[in-house]
Amino acid sequence: MRTLALLLTCCTYSVAVAQSPWQPSTEPSLDLKDSAIAKVVVENGNKVVALRIPEWKTDTRKRQNTETRTRTETRTKQNADGTTEDYSVEVPFTVTIVENYAVQIPSGKYQPPVSIPLDKAHVWKVTGEKMTTPDIERALSKAAHVLLFMGYANTNYQADAYFASLLNPDILVVYYNPMLKYLRTAPGQVLELP
């Protein structure tokens, strides 16, 4: 089984389904690391996917932006008749803005393994294709990365440009929460789970 890049369990992140549109990001970018292993095992007679979930820590990063601004300056000119006259000019200047922002990165520690019944997991390819239970086990052995979402989420993981740059058709999106019957995929859209 290949290493898997990112497992998310925090409800502030999102679950996307086939109908989810790409939209501008409202979340900070995440650093994706190969930080978890998934394998299909038999537990109490049922096939489950056992996932090692990393613990996350917040790291502060800096980004630097350069902006061109203008300021008004008053200057004086001397006329031919010896009088002076004040006038205004717009003078461009450059400012550098340094902004601190937070990213979530793996801490190097892991939570206890999570077992997800294959017949109760809802799995999509990142392209939006929903997978049936028989396909999930085969797909897990081929997936380069797995994104796991457990809990209520109302944003779209596809929205983040950093995610988008790393996603490929082999990535699986796994949603599982035995306590929830409905999955809210976007404002005004609710998908009823079987």
N, C-alpha and C. Protein backbone atom coordinates (compact mmCIF):
# COMPACT_ATOMS: atom_id res chain seq x y z
N MET A 1 0.85 -1.19 0.00
CA MET A 1 0.00 0.00 0.00
C MET A 1 0.89 1.24 0.00
N ARG A 2 0.58 2.14 -0.84
CA ARG A 2 1.37 3.36 -0.92
C ARG A 2 1.08 4.28 0.26
N THR A 3 2.01 5.16 0.51
CA THR A 3 1.73 6.16 1.54
C THR A 3 0.66 7.11 1.05
N LEU A 4 -0.07 7.64 1.97
CA LEU A 4 -1.18 8.52 1.63
C LEU A 4 -0.88 9.91 2.16
N ALA A 5 -1.28 10.89 1.40
CA ALA A 5 -0.80 12.24 1.70
C ALA A 5 -1.49 12.91 2.85
N LEU A 6 -2.80 12.90 2.91
CA LEU A 6 -3.44 13.76 3.90
C LEU A 6 -4.70 13.12 4.41
N LEU A 7 -4.86 13.12 5.70
CA LEU A 7 -6.10 12.64 6.30
C LEU A 7 -6.62 13.76 7.18
N LEU A 8 -7.83 14.20 6.91
CA LEU A 8 -8.39 15.31 7.67
C LEU A 8 -9.58 14.81 8.47
N THR A 9 -9.60 15.15 9.74
CA THR A 9 -10.74 14.77 10.54
C THR A 9 -11.44 15.97 11.14
N CYS A 10 -10.90 17.12 10.98
CA CYS A 10 -11.49 18.31 11.59
C CYS A 10 -12.69 18.79 10.80
N CYS A 11 -13.76 19.11 11.48
CA CYS A 11 -14.99 19.46 10.79
C CYS A 11 -14.93 20.80 10.08
N THR A 12 -13.85 21.53 10.24
CA THR A 12 -13.78 22.81 9.54
C THR A 12 -13.39 22.63 8.08
N TYR A 13 -13.03 21.43 7.71
CA TYR A 13 -12.68 21.19 6.32
C TYR A 13 -13.88 20.59 5.60
N SER A 14 -13.70 20.25 4.33
CA SER A 14 -14.88 20.02 3.51
C SER A 14 -14.94 18.66 2.89
N VAL A 15 -16.11 18.36 2.36
CA VAL A 15 -16.33 17.16 1.57
C VAL A 15 -16.92 17.60 0.25
N ALA A 16 -16.38 17.08 -0.82
CA ALA A 16 -16.91 17.47 -2.13
C ALA A 16 -17.54 16.27 -2.81
N VAL A 17 -18.58 16.49 -3.56
CA VAL A 17 -19.20 15.44 -4.36
C VAL A 17 -19.20 15.89 -5.80
N ALA A 18 -19.77 15.05 -6.66
CA ALA A 18 -19.67 15.29 -8.09
C ALA A 18 -20.20 16.65 -8.51
N GLN A 19 -21.24 17.14 -7.83
CA GLN A 19 -21.87 18.39 -8.24
C GLN A 19 -21.14 19.62 -7.70
N SER A 20 -20.12 19.44 -6.87
CA SER A 20 -19.49 20.59 -6.23
C SER A 20 -18.68 21.40 -7.24
N PRO A 21 -18.95 22.69 -7.36
CA PRO A 21 -18.21 23.51 -8.31
C PRO A 21 -16.88 23.95 -7.72
N TRP A 22 -15.94 24.28 -8.58
CA TRP A 22 -14.71 24.91 -8.12
C TRP A 22 -15.03 26.37 -7.81
N GLN A 23 -14.50 26.87 -6.73
CA GLN A 23 -14.81 28.23 -6.32
C GLN A 23 -13.61 28.82 -5.59
N PRO A 24 -13.55 30.13 -5.46
CA PRO A 24 -12.40 30.74 -4.79
C PRO A 24 -12.23 30.24 -3.36
N SER A 25 -11.01 30.11 -2.93
CA SER A 25 -10.73 29.56 -1.61
C SER A 25 -11.03 30.56 -0.51
N THR A 26 -11.57 30.04 0.59
CA THR A 26 -11.73 30.86 1.79
C THR A 26 -10.90 30.29 2.93
N GLU A 27 -10.22 29.18 2.70
CA GLU A 27 -9.43 28.53 3.74
C GLU A 27 -7.94 28.76 3.46
N PRO A 28 -7.10 28.77 4.51
CA PRO A 28 -5.66 28.86 4.27
C PRO A 28 -5.16 27.59 3.61
N SER A 29 -4.11 27.69 2.83
CA SER A 29 -3.53 26.51 2.20
C SER A 29 -2.95 25.58 3.25
N LEU A 30 -2.94 24.29 2.94
CA LEU A 30 -2.40 23.30 3.85
C LEU A 30 -1.14 22.70 3.23
N ASP A 31 -0.17 22.37 4.07
CA ASP A 31 0.98 21.62 3.60
C ASP A 31 0.60 20.14 3.61
N LEU A 32 0.64 19.49 2.45
CA LEU A 32 0.30 18.08 2.37
C LEU A 32 1.58 17.27 2.49
N LYS A 33 1.59 16.30 3.37
CA LYS A 33 2.75 15.46 3.58
C LYS A 33 2.32 13.99 3.47
N ASP A 34 3.26 13.13 3.11
CA ASP A 34 2.98 11.69 3.17
C ASP A 34 3.03 11.30 4.64
N SER A 35 1.87 11.24 5.28
CA SER A 35 1.88 11.12 6.74
C SER A 35 0.91 10.07 7.27
N ALA A 36 0.40 9.20 6.41
CA ALA A 36 -0.55 8.20 6.91
C ALA A 36 -0.55 6.98 6.02
N ILE A 37 -0.97 5.87 6.58
CA ILE A 37 -1.06 4.61 5.85
C ILE A 37 -2.49 4.11 5.95
N ALA A 38 -3.04 3.60 4.85
CA ALA A 38 -4.37 2.99 4.87
C ALA A 38 -4.24 1.55 4.40
N LYS A 39 -5.00 0.67 5.00
CA LYS A 39 -5.01 -0.71 4.54
C LYS A 39 -6.38 -1.30 4.80
N VAL A 40 -6.77 -2.25 3.98
CA VAL A 40 -8.05 -2.93 4.15
C VAL A 40 -7.82 -4.16 5.00
N VAL A 41 -8.57 -4.26 6.09
CA VAL A 41 -8.45 -5.40 7.00
C VAL A 41 -9.84 -5.93 7.30
N VAL A 42 -9.90 -7.12 7.90
CA VAL A 42 -11.17 -7.70 8.32
C VAL A 42 -11.28 -7.53 9.83
N GLU A 43 -12.35 -6.89 10.27
CA GLU A 43 -12.55 -6.61 11.68
C GLU A 43 -13.97 -7.01 12.04
N ASN A 44 -14.13 -7.94 12.97
CA ASN A 44 -15.45 -8.45 13.36
C ASN A 44 -16.25 -8.95 12.16
N GLY A 45 -15.55 -9.59 11.24
CA GLY A 45 -16.23 -10.17 10.08
C GLY A 45 -16.53 -9.19 8.97
N ASN A 46 -16.22 -7.91 9.16
CA ASN A 46 -16.49 -6.91 8.13
C ASN A 46 -15.18 -6.32 7.62
N LYS A 47 -15.17 -6.00 6.34
CA LYS A 47 -14.00 -5.34 5.78
C LYS A 47 -14.03 -3.86 6.15
N VAL A 48 -12.91 -3.39 6.66
CA VAL A 48 -12.82 -1.98 7.02
C VAL A 48 -11.52 -1.43 6.44
N VAL A 49 -11.45 -0.13 6.30
CA VAL A 49 -10.19 0.51 5.97
C VAL A 49 -9.66 1.13 7.26
N ALA A 50 -8.47 0.70 7.66
CA ALA A 50 -7.85 1.19 8.88
C ALA A 50 -6.92 2.34 8.52
N LEU A 51 -7.15 3.49 9.11
CA LEU A 51 -6.43 4.70 8.75
C LEU A 51 -5.62 5.23 9.92
N ARG A 52 -4.35 5.51 9.68
CA ARG A 52 -3.55 6.20 10.68
C ARG A 52 -3.71 7.68 10.44
N ILE A 53 -4.19 8.39 11.43
CA ILE A 53 -4.49 9.81 11.26
C ILE A 53 -3.44 10.65 11.98
N PRO A 54 -2.79 11.54 11.28
CA PRO A 54 -1.79 12.37 11.94
C PRO A 54 -2.42 13.43 12.82
N GLU A 55 -1.71 13.77 13.87
CA GLU A 55 -2.11 14.95 14.64
C GLU A 55 -1.49 16.17 13.97
N TRP A 56 -2.23 17.27 14.03
CA TRP A 56 -1.79 18.46 13.32
C TRP A 56 -1.36 19.54 14.29
N LYS A 57 -0.46 20.38 13.85
CA LYS A 57 -0.07 21.54 14.64
C LYS A 57 -0.11 22.77 13.72
N THR A 58 -0.27 23.92 14.35
CA THR A 58 -0.33 25.17 13.59
C THR A 58 1.06 25.77 13.48
N ASP A 59 1.43 26.11 12.27
CA ASP A 59 2.71 26.77 12.03
C ASP A 59 2.43 28.13 11.40
N THR A 60 3.26 29.10 11.72
CA THR A 60 3.07 30.45 11.18
C THR A 60 4.05 30.68 10.04
N ARG A 61 3.53 31.17 8.95
CA ARG A 61 4.35 31.49 7.78
C ARG A 61 4.21 32.98 7.47
N LYS A 62 5.14 33.47 6.67
CA LYS A 62 5.09 34.87 6.24
C LYS A 62 4.96 34.91 4.72
N ARG A 63 4.18 35.86 4.24
CA ARG A 63 4.18 36.13 2.81
C ARG A 63 4.39 37.62 2.61
N GLN A 64 5.05 37.95 1.52
CA GLN A 64 5.44 39.33 1.27
C GLN A 64 4.80 39.81 -0.03
N ASN A 65 4.12 40.93 0.04
CA ASN A 65 3.51 41.53 -1.14
C ASN A 65 4.09 42.93 -1.34
N THR A 66 4.29 43.28 -2.59
CA THR A 66 4.77 44.61 -2.92
C THR A 66 3.66 45.37 -3.62
N GLU A 67 3.39 46.57 -3.15
CA GLU A 67 2.35 47.40 -3.74
C GLU A 67 2.93 48.75 -4.16
N THR A 68 2.42 49.26 -5.27
CA THR A 68 2.79 50.61 -5.70
C THR A 68 1.68 51.56 -5.30
N ARG A 69 2.04 52.60 -4.57
CA ARG A 69 1.06 53.59 -4.13
C ARG A 69 1.52 54.98 -4.60
N THR A 70 0.65 55.94 -4.42
CA THR A 70 1.03 57.32 -4.77
C THR A 70 0.74 58.24 -3.60
N ARG A 71 1.53 59.29 -3.52
CA ARG A 71 1.29 60.32 -2.51
C ARG A 71 1.32 61.68 -3.21
N THR A 72 0.63 62.62 -2.65
CA THR A 72 0.56 63.97 -3.22
C THR A 72 1.62 64.85 -2.56
N GLU A 73 2.43 65.47 -3.39
CA GLU A 73 3.44 66.40 -2.89
C GLU A 73 3.19 67.79 -3.47
N THR A 74 3.47 68.79 -2.67
CA THR A 74 3.33 70.18 -3.12
C THR A 74 4.70 70.73 -3.51
N ARG A 75 4.74 71.31 -4.68
CA ARG A 75 5.99 71.88 -5.15
C ARG A 75 5.75 73.35 -5.53
N THR A 76 6.85 74.07 -5.62
CA THR A 76 6.77 75.50 -5.95
C THR A 76 7.59 75.77 -7.20
N LYS A 77 7.02 76.54 -8.09
CA LYS A 77 7.77 76.96 -9.28
C LYS A 77 7.80 78.49 -9.32
N GLN A 78 8.85 79.00 -9.93
CA GLN A 78 9.01 80.45 -10.04
C GLN A 78 8.65 80.88 -11.45
N ASN A 79 7.75 81.83 -11.51
CA ASN A 79 7.30 82.34 -12.80
C ASN A 79 8.30 83.36 -13.35
N ALA A 80 8.15 83.68 -14.61
CA ALA A 80 9.06 84.62 -15.28
C ALA A 80 9.00 86.01 -14.66
N ASP A 81 7.86 86.34 -14.09
CA ASP A 81 7.72 87.68 -13.51
C ASP A 81 8.24 87.75 -12.07
N GLY A 82 8.85 86.64 -11.60
CA GLY A 82 9.43 86.65 -10.27
C GLY A 82 8.50 86.14 -9.18
N THR A 83 7.25 85.90 -9.50
CA THR A 83 6.31 85.36 -8.51
C THR A 83 6.47 83.84 -8.43
N THR A 84 5.99 83.28 -7.31
CA THR A 84 6.03 81.82 -7.16
C THR A 84 4.61 81.27 -7.17
N GLU A 85 4.54 80.00 -7.53
CA GLU A 85 3.23 79.35 -7.62
C GLU A 85 3.36 77.91 -7.11
N ASP A 86 2.47 77.53 -6.20
CA ASP A 86 2.46 76.16 -5.68
C ASP A 86 1.60 75.27 -6.58
N TYR A 87 2.02 74.03 -6.74
CA TYR A 87 1.22 73.05 -7.49
C TYR A 87 1.44 71.67 -6.88
N SER A 88 0.52 70.77 -7.17
CA SER A 88 0.57 69.41 -6.60
C SER A 88 0.98 68.40 -7.67
N VAL A 89 1.72 67.39 -7.25
CA VAL A 89 2.09 66.29 -8.14
C VAL A 89 1.83 64.97 -7.40
N GLU A 90 1.49 63.93 -8.16
CA GLU A 90 1.32 62.58 -7.60
C GLU A 90 2.64 61.84 -7.78
N VAL A 91 3.23 61.40 -6.69
CA VAL A 91 4.53 60.73 -6.73
C VAL A 91 4.33 59.25 -6.38
N PRO A 92 4.70 58.34 -7.29
CA PRO A 92 4.56 56.91 -6.97
C PRO A 92 5.67 56.43 -6.03
N PHE A 93 5.34 55.47 -5.18
CA PHE A 93 6.34 54.85 -4.33
C PHE A 93 5.92 53.41 -4.07
N THR A 94 6.86 52.60 -3.65
CA THR A 94 6.62 51.16 -3.45
C THR A 94 6.67 50.84 -1.97
N VAL A 95 5.72 50.03 -1.51
CA VAL A 95 5.72 49.55 -0.12
C VAL A 95 5.73 48.03 -0.13
N THR A 96 6.37 47.46 0.85
CA THR A 96 6.39 46.01 1.02
C THR A 96 5.58 45.66 2.26
N ILE A 97 4.60 44.78 2.08
CA ILE A 97 3.72 44.37 3.17
C ILE A 97 4.04 42.92 3.53
N VAL A 98 4.38 42.69 4.78
CA VAL A 98 4.65 41.33 5.26
C VAL A 98 3.46 40.89 6.08
N GLU A 99 2.89 39.75 5.71
CA GLU A 99 1.68 39.25 6.36
C GLU A 99 1.95 37.87 6.97
N ASN A 100 1.57 37.68 8.21
CA ASN A 100 1.67 36.37 8.85
C ASN A 100 0.38 35.60 8.61
N TYR A 101 0.50 34.30 8.33
CA TYR A 101 -0.68 33.46 8.19
C TYR A 101 -0.37 32.07 8.74
N ALA A 102 -1.41 31.35 9.08
CA ALA A 102 -1.25 30.05 9.72
C ALA A 102 -1.50 28.91 8.74
N VAL A 103 -0.72 27.85 8.86
CA VAL A 103 -0.94 26.62 8.10
C VAL A 103 -0.97 25.45 9.07
N GLN A 104 -1.70 24.41 8.70
CA GLN A 104 -1.74 23.20 9.50
C GLN A 104 -0.75 22.20 8.90
N ILE A 105 0.17 21.70 9.73
CA ILE A 105 1.15 20.74 9.25
C ILE A 105 1.16 19.54 10.20
N PRO A 106 1.56 18.35 9.71
CA PRO A 106 1.63 17.18 10.59
C PRO A 106 2.63 17.42 11.72
N SER A 107 2.27 16.95 12.92
CA SER A 107 3.15 17.15 14.08
C SER A 107 4.17 16.03 14.22
N GLY A 108 3.99 14.95 13.45
CA GLY A 108 4.86 13.79 13.61
C GLY A 108 4.28 12.74 14.54
N LYS A 109 3.18 13.08 15.23
CA LYS A 109 2.49 12.14 16.10
C LYS A 109 1.20 11.67 15.43
N TYR A 110 0.68 10.53 15.90
CA TYR A 110 -0.52 9.97 15.29
C TYR A 110 -1.59 9.70 16.33
N GLN A 111 -2.83 9.85 15.92
CA GLN A 111 -3.96 9.45 16.74
C GLN A 111 -4.12 7.94 16.63
N PRO A 112 -4.93 7.33 17.52
CA PRO A 112 -5.21 5.90 17.37
C PRO A 112 -5.84 5.64 16.00
N PRO A 113 -5.59 4.46 15.41
CA PRO A 113 -6.15 4.15 14.09
C PRO A 113 -7.67 4.24 14.09
N VAL A 114 -8.22 4.65 12.97
CA VAL A 114 -9.66 4.74 12.78
C VAL A 114 -10.07 3.66 11.80
N SER A 115 -11.13 2.91 12.14
CA SER A 115 -11.63 1.87 11.25
C SER A 115 -12.93 2.34 10.62
N ILE A 116 -12.98 2.32 9.31
CA ILE A 116 -14.17 2.76 8.58
C ILE A 116 -14.74 1.59 7.80
N PRO A 117 -15.99 1.18 8.09
CA PRO A 117 -16.59 0.07 7.32
C PRO A 117 -16.69 0.45 5.85
N LEU A 118 -16.22 -0.43 4.98
CA LEU A 118 -16.24 -0.12 3.56
C LEU A 118 -17.66 0.02 3.03
N ASP A 119 -18.61 -0.74 3.63
CA ASP A 119 -19.98 -0.67 3.11
C ASP A 119 -20.72 0.58 3.60
N LYS A 120 -20.10 1.34 4.52
CA LYS A 120 -20.75 2.56 5.02
C LYS A 120 -19.98 3.83 4.66
N ALA A 121 -18.82 3.65 4.06
CA ALA A 121 -18.05 4.82 3.64
C ALA A 121 -18.61 5.36 2.33
N HIS A 122 -18.51 6.64 2.16
CA HIS A 122 -18.93 7.28 0.91
C HIS A 122 -17.66 7.80 0.25
N VAL A 123 -17.36 7.25 -0.90
CA VAL A 123 -16.07 7.50 -1.52
C VAL A 123 -16.25 8.06 -2.92
N TRP A 124 -15.50 9.12 -3.20
CA TRP A 124 -15.50 9.71 -4.54
C TRP A 124 -14.07 9.79 -5.04
N LYS A 125 -13.91 9.68 -6.34
CA LYS A 125 -12.64 10.09 -6.92
C LYS A 125 -12.65 11.61 -6.95
N VAL A 126 -11.47 12.18 -6.97
CA VAL A 126 -11.41 13.63 -6.95
C VAL A 126 -12.05 14.23 -8.19
N THR A 127 -12.17 13.44 -9.25
CA THR A 127 -12.83 13.92 -10.46
C THR A 127 -14.33 14.03 -10.28
N GLY A 128 -14.86 13.49 -9.16
CA GLY A 128 -16.29 13.60 -8.89
C GLY A 128 -17.04 12.30 -9.07
N GLU A 129 -16.37 11.25 -9.52
CA GLU A 129 -17.05 9.96 -9.74
C GLU A 129 -17.24 9.24 -8.41
N LYS A 130 -18.51 8.92 -8.08
CA LYS A 130 -18.80 8.21 -6.84
C LYS A 130 -18.50 6.73 -7.03
N MET A 131 -17.90 6.11 -6.03
CA MET A 131 -17.48 4.72 -6.15
C MET A 131 -18.43 3.81 -5.40
N THR A 132 -18.61 2.60 -5.93
CA THR A 132 -19.41 1.59 -5.25
C THR A 132 -18.51 0.80 -4.31
N THR A 133 -19.13 0.09 -3.36
CA THR A 133 -18.35 -0.64 -2.36
C THR A 133 -17.35 -1.61 -2.96
N PRO A 134 -17.71 -2.42 -3.97
CA PRO A 134 -16.71 -3.34 -4.52
C PRO A 134 -15.50 -2.64 -5.12
N ASP A 135 -15.70 -1.40 -5.59
CA ASP A 135 -14.59 -0.68 -6.22
C ASP A 135 -13.64 -0.06 -5.19
N ILE A 136 -14.13 0.16 -3.98
CA ILE A 136 -13.34 0.92 -3.01
C ILE A 136 -12.06 0.18 -2.63
N GLU A 137 -12.19 -1.12 -2.34
CA GLU A 137 -11.01 -1.87 -1.91
C GLU A 137 -9.94 -1.88 -2.99
N ARG A 138 -10.35 -2.09 -4.24
CA ARG A 138 -9.38 -2.08 -5.33
C ARG A 138 -8.75 -0.69 -5.48
N ALA A 139 -9.58 0.33 -5.35
CA ALA A 139 -9.08 1.69 -5.55
C ALA A 139 -8.10 2.10 -4.46
N LEU A 140 -8.33 1.64 -3.22
CA LEU A 140 -7.43 2.00 -2.13
C LEU A 140 -6.02 1.49 -2.38
N SER A 141 -5.91 0.34 -3.04
CA SER A 141 -4.58 -0.21 -3.30
C SER A 141 -3.84 0.57 -4.38
N LYS A 142 -4.59 1.35 -5.17
CA LYS A 142 -3.97 2.11 -6.26
C LYS A 142 -3.87 3.60 -5.97
N ALA A 143 -4.61 4.08 -4.98
CA ALA A 143 -4.70 5.52 -4.76
C ALA A 143 -3.36 6.09 -4.31
N ALA A 144 -3.00 7.20 -4.89
CA ALA A 144 -1.79 7.88 -4.45
C ALA A 144 -2.04 8.60 -3.13
N HIS A 145 -3.23 9.13 -2.96
CA HIS A 145 -3.57 9.89 -1.76
C HIS A 145 -5.02 9.62 -1.39
N VAL A 146 -5.30 9.79 -0.11
CA VAL A 146 -6.67 9.68 0.38
C VAL A 146 -6.97 10.91 1.23
N LEU A 147 -8.10 11.55 0.97
CA LEU A 147 -8.57 12.63 1.84
C LEU A 147 -9.73 12.08 2.64
N LEU A 148 -9.63 12.13 3.96
CA LEU A 148 -10.68 11.60 4.83
C LEU A 148 -11.36 12.75 5.55
N PHE A 149 -12.69 12.77 5.49
CA PHE A 149 -13.47 13.78 6.18
C PHE A 149 -14.45 13.09 7.12
N MET A 150 -14.39 13.41 8.40
CA MET A 150 -15.34 12.87 9.37
C MET A 150 -15.90 14.04 10.14
N GLY A 151 -17.18 14.28 10.02
CA GLY A 151 -17.79 15.39 10.72
C GLY A 151 -18.46 16.33 9.76
N TYR A 152 -19.22 17.25 10.33
CA TYR A 152 -19.97 18.22 9.51
C TYR A 152 -18.99 19.18 8.85
N ALA A 153 -19.18 19.43 7.59
CA ALA A 153 -18.32 20.37 6.87
C ALA A 153 -19.16 21.13 5.87
N ASN A 154 -18.86 22.40 5.68
CA ASN A 154 -19.68 23.19 4.77
C ASN A 154 -18.85 24.00 3.78
N THR A 155 -17.58 23.63 3.64
CA THR A 155 -16.76 24.27 2.62
C THR A 155 -16.36 23.23 1.59
N ASN A 156 -15.56 23.62 0.62
CA ASN A 156 -15.25 22.74 -0.49
C ASN A 156 -13.74 22.55 -0.58
N TYR A 157 -13.26 21.31 -0.42
CA TYR A 157 -11.82 21.11 -0.46
C TYR A 157 -11.25 21.48 -1.82
N GLN A 158 -12.06 21.39 -2.87
CA GLN A 158 -11.58 21.72 -4.21
C GLN A 158 -11.32 23.22 -4.36
N ALA A 159 -11.82 24.01 -3.43
CA ALA A 159 -11.72 25.46 -3.57
C ALA A 159 -10.29 25.96 -3.38
N ASP A 160 -9.47 25.21 -2.66
CA ASP A 160 -8.16 25.72 -2.33
C ASP A 160 -7.17 25.44 -3.45
N ALA A 161 -6.52 26.48 -3.92
CA ALA A 161 -5.59 26.33 -5.05
C ALA A 161 -4.43 25.40 -4.72
N TYR A 162 -4.02 25.37 -3.44
CA TYR A 162 -2.92 24.49 -3.05
C TYR A 162 -3.35 23.03 -3.18
N PHE A 163 -4.56 22.72 -2.72
CA PHE A 163 -5.10 21.38 -2.93
C PHE A 163 -5.14 21.06 -4.41
N ALA A 164 -5.70 21.97 -5.18
CA ALA A 164 -5.92 21.72 -6.60
C ALA A 164 -4.62 21.42 -7.32
N SER A 165 -3.53 22.03 -6.89
CA SER A 165 -2.25 21.80 -7.56
C SER A 165 -1.71 20.41 -7.28
N LEU A 166 -2.18 19.76 -6.22
CA LEU A 166 -1.66 18.45 -5.85
C LEU A 166 -2.59 17.30 -6.19
N LEU A 167 -3.84 17.59 -6.45
CA LEU A 167 -4.80 16.53 -6.68
C LEU A 167 -4.64 15.93 -8.07
N ASN A 168 -4.88 14.63 -8.17
CA ASN A 168 -4.87 13.96 -9.46
C ASN A 168 -6.00 12.94 -9.47
N PRO A 169 -6.33 12.37 -10.63
CA PRO A 169 -7.51 11.48 -10.70
C PRO A 169 -7.44 10.24 -9.83
N ASP A 170 -6.25 9.87 -9.32
CA ASP A 170 -6.14 8.67 -8.49
C ASP A 170 -6.47 8.93 -7.03
N ILE A 171 -6.65 10.18 -6.67
CA ILE A 171 -6.93 10.49 -5.27
C ILE A 171 -8.37 10.15 -4.93
N LEU A 172 -8.57 9.60 -3.75
CA LEU A 172 -9.91 9.27 -3.28
C LEU A 172 -10.32 10.25 -2.20
N VAL A 173 -11.60 10.59 -2.19
CA VAL A 173 -12.17 11.43 -1.15
C VAL A 173 -13.12 10.54 -0.36
N VAL A 174 -12.83 10.34 0.92
CA VAL A 174 -13.61 9.44 1.76
C VAL A 174 -14.39 10.25 2.77
N TYR A 175 -15.70 10.00 2.85
CA TYR A 175 -16.53 10.64 3.87
C TYR A 175 -17.20 9.55 4.69
N TYR A 176 -17.09 9.66 6.01
CA TYR A 176 -17.77 8.69 6.87
C TYR A 176 -18.07 9.33 8.20
N ASN A 177 -19.32 9.26 8.61
CA ASN A 177 -19.71 9.65 9.96
C ASN A 177 -20.99 8.91 10.30
N PRO A 178 -20.92 7.93 11.19
CA PRO A 178 -22.11 7.13 11.50
C PRO A 178 -23.22 7.91 12.18
N MET A 179 -22.89 9.11 12.70
CA MET A 179 -23.90 9.89 13.41
C MET A 179 -24.72 10.78 12.49
N LEU A 180 -24.25 10.98 11.27
CA LEU A 180 -24.92 11.91 10.37
C LEU A 180 -25.62 11.17 9.25
N LYS A 181 -26.85 11.54 8.98
CA LYS A 181 -27.59 10.95 7.87
C LYS A 181 -27.51 11.85 6.64
N TYR A 182 -27.29 13.13 6.87
CA TYR A 182 -27.27 14.07 5.76
C TYR A 182 -25.89 14.72 5.66
N LEU A 183 -25.46 14.90 4.46
CA LEU A 183 -24.19 15.54 4.19
C LEU A 183 -24.45 16.84 3.44
N ARG A 184 -24.09 17.95 4.05
CA ARG A 184 -24.29 19.24 3.38
C ARG A 184 -23.08 19.51 2.50
N THR A 185 -23.32 19.60 1.20
CA THR A 185 -22.22 19.72 0.25
C THR A 185 -21.95 21.15 -0.16
N ALA A 186 -22.92 22.00 -0.07
CA ALA A 186 -22.76 23.40 -0.46
C ALA A 186 -23.96 24.14 0.10
N PRO A 187 -23.90 25.46 0.19
CA PRO A 187 -25.06 26.19 0.69
C PRO A 187 -26.31 25.87 -0.12
N GLY A 188 -27.34 25.41 0.57
CA GLY A 188 -28.59 25.10 -0.10
C GLY A 188 -28.66 23.71 -0.71
N GLN A 189 -27.56 22.94 -0.67
CA GLN A 189 -27.56 21.59 -1.24
C GLN A 189 -27.33 20.57 -0.13
N VAL A 190 -28.19 19.58 -0.05
CA VAL A 190 -28.04 18.53 0.95
C VAL A 190 -28.16 17.19 0.25
N LEU A 191 -27.21 16.32 0.49
CA LEU A 191 -27.23 14.98 -0.09
C LEU A 191 -27.64 14.00 0.99
N GLU A 192 -28.69 13.23 0.76
CA GLU A 192 -29.10 12.23 1.74
C GLU A 192 -28.25 10.99 1.57
N LEU A 193 -27.65 10.55 2.66
CA LEU A 193 -26.80 9.38 2.62
C LEU A 193 -27.65 8.13 2.81
N PRO A 194 -27.31 7.07 2.09
CA PRO A 194 -28.09 5.83 2.24
C PRO A 194 -27.85 5.18 3.59
